[in-house]
Protein backbone atom coordinates (compact mmCIF):
# COMPACT_ATOMS: atom_id res chain seq x y z
CA MET A 1 0.05 0.00 -0.10
CA LYS A 2 1.53 3.36 -0.97
CA ARG A 3 -1.15 5.73 0.13
CA CYS A 4 -3.38 5.46 3.36
CA ASN A 5 -5.95 7.98 4.44
CA LEU A 6 -7.11 7.27 7.98
CA GLU A 7 -8.27 10.82 8.66
CA MET A 8 -11.04 11.40 11.27
CA ASN A 9 -11.30 7.80 12.46
CA GLY A 10 -10.96 8.60 16.20
CA PHE A 11 -8.32 6.19 17.07
CA GLY A 12 -7.22 7.87 20.19
CA PRO A 13 -4.04 7.22 22.15
CA ASP A 14 -4.17 3.49 22.06
CA GLY A 15 -4.65 3.39 18.21
CA GLY A 16 -1.87 5.88 17.87
CA GLN A 17 0.69 3.20 18.97
CA ILE A 18 -0.63 0.93 16.39
CA LEU A 19 -0.34 3.59 13.78
CA ALA A 20 3.27 3.96 14.63
CA GLU A 21 3.75 0.22 14.14
CA CYS A 22 2.02 0.48 10.73
CA VAL A 23 4.39 3.08 9.62
CA LYS A 24 7.44 1.18 10.81
CA GLN A 25 6.65 -1.99 9.23
CA ASN A 26 5.27 -0.88 5.70
CA ALA A 27 8.20 -0.32 3.58
CA ALA A 28 5.96 0.74 0.62
CA LEU A 29 4.01 3.51 2.33
CA GLU A 30 4.67 6.97 0.52
CA GLU A 31 1.68 9.01 1.97
CA PHE A 32 -0.06 8.70 5.33
CA ASN A 33 -2.85 10.86 6.49
CA ILE A 34 -3.80 10.52 10.12
CA SER A 35 -5.37 13.92 10.69
CA SER A 36 -7.97 14.33 13.48
CA ASN A 37 -7.57 11.19 15.38
CA ARG A 38 -7.29 12.38 18.93
CA LEU A 39 -3.59 11.29 19.10
CA ASN A 40 -1.39 12.54 22.13
CA THR A 41 2.23 13.58 22.62
CA PRO A 42 3.49 9.79 23.15
CA ASN A 43 1.86 8.93 20.00
CA ALA A 44 3.77 11.75 18.11
CA PHE A 45 7.00 10.44 19.61
CA ALA A 46 6.18 6.84 18.67
CA ILE A 47 5.26 7.89 15.20
CA ALA A 48 8.40 9.95 14.76
CA GLN A 49 10.58 7.07 15.80
CA ALA A 50 8.56 4.96 13.25
CA ILE A 51 9.38 7.50 10.45
CA LEU A 52 13.08 7.08 11.16
CA ALA A 53 12.76 3.35 10.46
CA ASN A 54 10.66 3.98 7.13
CA ASP A 55 12.82 4.97 4.14
CA SER A 56 9.80 5.22 1.64
CA LEU A 57 7.31 7.75 3.53
CA GLN A 58 7.38 10.92 1.82
CA VAL A 59 4.20 12.65 3.11
CA LEU A 60 2.79 12.51 6.68
CA ARG A 61 -0.42 14.57 7.38
CA VAL A 62 -1.20 15.14 10.93
CA VAL A 63 -3.69 17.96 11.24
CA LYS A 64 -6.03 18.93 14.18
CA TYR A 65 -9.22 20.42 12.74
CA ARG A 66 -11.24 22.86 14.78
CA PHE A 67 -14.73 23.22 13.84
CA ILE A 68 -16.50 26.47 14.90
């Protein structure tokens, strides 16, 4: 899988650790959108560490949307 859009799925903190493992293990992933999933700071660090192990990832979208 080269592109994965998991935007607005509400994974939360537990799911964030799983997302990090996905980034680490998928050597074909080029674009990953995990915006608006209620991820926390430890998830951000785990995902950052996973990116270091993934040479193929070119685009990571992590946006927190605010609706008014």
